[in-house]
Amino acid sequence: MLQVSDVLVVIPAFNESKSIGQVLDQISSHGFQTLVVNDGSIDATADIARQRGSRVVSLPLNSGVGGALRCGFRYAAENGFTAVIQCDADGQHLPNHLVDLLNAMNQTDAHMVIGS
């Protein structure tokens, strides 16, 4: 049974300083640990994420969402997390649904769950 502490929420972010703080506050209110993959941002995205207590990996150039997610998944695997949830930095994914994804994994013993 997966616990919240087993999960890393990976958030690819490119110039999301206007929304990243609120997104991180909402995710952390559910107890999830976060990794913001700062994908070549030139704004304060990485600084705001660090101030909110998130782990941050900064890529020197924008590699796109695919490259940012690969980086985040690798980080999770190398740092002992059992599961990863991807969440957008712009607020379009509702953080209360992260708990729903975790519950669905635990109820079905699924290896992958996709929310829409």
Protein backbone atom coordinates (compact mmCIF):
# COMPACT_ATOMS: atom_id res chain seq x y z
CA MET A 1 0.00 0.00 0.00
CA LEU A 2 1.49 3.30 -1.13
CA GLN A 3 1.65 6.15 1.35
CA VAL A 4 1.87 9.85 0.55
CA SER A 5 5.51 9.71 1.69
CA ASP A 6 6.28 7.16 -1.08
CA VAL A 7 5.21 9.60 -3.80
CA LEU A 8 7.11 12.45 -5.43
CA VAL A 9 5.02 15.00 -7.29
CA VAL A 10 7.06 16.13 -10.30
CA ILE A 11 6.20 19.56 -11.64
CA PRO A 12 7.80 20.64 -14.92
CA ALA A 13 7.91 24.43 -14.96
CA PHE A 14 8.90 27.03 -17.52
CA ASN A 15 8.45 30.65 -16.41
CA GLU A 16 5.64 29.85 -13.97
CA SER A 17 6.48 32.37 -11.23
CA LYS A 18 2.90 33.67 -11.18
CA SER A 19 1.35 30.30 -10.31
CA ILE A 20 4.01 27.97 -8.89
CA GLY A 21 3.74 29.20 -5.29
CA GLN A 22 0.02 28.56 -5.04
CA VAL A 23 0.34 25.17 -6.76
CA LEU A 24 3.07 24.10 -4.33
CA ASP A 25 1.12 25.34 -1.31
CA GLN A 26 -1.91 23.30 -2.35
CA ILE A 27 0.12 20.15 -3.04
CA SER A 28 2.03 20.36 0.24
CA SER A 29 -1.25 20.82 2.15
CA HIS A 30 -1.97 17.19 1.19
CA GLY A 31 1.41 16.06 2.50
CA PHE A 32 3.09 15.31 -0.83
CA GLN A 33 6.77 16.00 -1.47
CA THR A 34 7.49 17.97 -4.63
CA LEU A 35 10.20 18.38 -7.22
CA VAL A 36 10.02 21.38 -9.51
CA VAL A 37 11.98 20.80 -12.69
CA ASN A 38 12.85 24.36 -13.63
CA ASP A 39 12.99 23.96 -17.39
CA GLY A 40 15.23 26.87 -18.38
CA SER A 41 13.05 29.55 -16.78
CA ILE A 42 14.32 33.11 -16.78
CA ASP A 43 11.89 34.30 -14.10
CA ALA A 44 11.74 33.54 -10.36
CA THR A 45 10.17 30.07 -10.70
CA ALA A 46 13.08 28.23 -9.05
CA ASP A 47 13.44 30.75 -6.21
CA ILE A 48 9.74 30.64 -5.37
CA ALA A 49 9.77 26.84 -5.44
CA ARG A 50 12.72 26.71 -3.03
CA GLN A 51 11.02 29.24 -0.73
CA ARG A 52 7.99 26.93 -0.61
CA GLY A 53 10.20 23.99 0.45
CA SER A 54 10.21 22.15 -2.85
CA ARG A 55 13.18 20.32 -4.22
CA VAL A 56 14.34 22.03 -7.42
CA VAL A 57 16.36 20.79 -10.36
CA SER A 58 17.22 23.55 -12.81
CA LEU A 59 17.88 22.67 -16.43
CA PRO A 60 20.18 25.16 -18.22
CA LEU A 61 18.01 25.25 -21.35
CA ASN A 62 14.35 24.65 -22.03
CA SER A 63 14.08 20.98 -22.98
CA GLY A 64 10.29 20.82 -23.12
CA VAL A 65 7.86 18.92 -20.96
CA GLY A 66 9.18 15.53 -22.07
CA GLY A 67 12.75 16.31 -21.08
CA ALA A 68 11.67 17.88 -17.81
CA LEU A 69 9.54 14.86 -16.91
CA ARG A 70 12.35 12.42 -17.75
CA CYS A 71 14.61 14.40 -15.45
CA GLY A 72 12.00 14.32 -12.68
CA PHE A 73 11.31 10.59 -13.05
CA ARG A 74 15.02 9.84 -12.91
CA TYR A 75 15.37 11.98 -9.79
CA ALA A 76 12.52 10.07 -8.14
CA ALA A 77 14.03 6.68 -8.99
CA GLU A 78 17.50 7.70 -7.79
CA ASN A 79 16.13 9.08 -4.52
CA GLY A 80 14.04 6.14 -3.36
CA PHE A 81 10.52 7.18 -4.28
CA THR A 82 8.13 4.35 -5.13
CA ALA A 83 5.73 6.39 -7.27
CA VAL A 84 5.58 9.64 -9.21
CA ILE A 85 2.66 11.90 -9.95
CA GLN A 86 3.07 14.56 -12.63
CA CYS A 87 1.33 17.86 -11.99
CA ASP A 88 1.34 21.00 -14.10
CA ALA A 89 2.78 24.23 -12.69
CA ASP A 90 0.07 26.50 -14.06
CA GLY A 91 -2.71 25.32 -11.75
CA GLN A 92 -4.75 23.39 -14.30
CA HIS A 93 -4.43 20.16 -12.28
CA LEU A 94 -6.32 20.31 -9.00
CA PRO A 95 -4.03 19.14 -6.18
CA ASN A 96 -6.90 17.48 -4.27
CA HIS A 97 -7.08 15.01 -7.17
CA LEU A 98 -3.57 13.77 -6.35
CA VAL A 99 -5.05 11.94 -3.37
CA ASP A 100 -7.64 10.40 -5.71
CA LEU A 101 -4.85 9.05 -7.94
CA LEU A 102 -3.05 7.55 -4.96
CA ASN A 103 -6.27 5.98 -3.68
CA ALA A 104 -7.00 4.51 -7.13
CA MET A 105 -3.53 2.93 -7.23
CA ASN A 106 -4.00 1.43 -3.79
CA GLN A 107 -7.52 0.14 -4.49
CA THR A 108 -6.68 -1.46 -7.84
CA ASP A 109 -3.01 -2.38 -7.32
CA ALA A 110 -2.41 -0.69 -10.69
CA HIS A 111 1.09 0.11 -11.86
CA MET A 112 -0.12 3.25 -13.66
CA VAL A 113 -3.10 5.52 -13.14
CA ILE A 114 -4.07 8.37 -15.44
CA GLY A 115 -6.41 11.14 -14.35
CA SER A 116 -8.30 13.37 -16.71
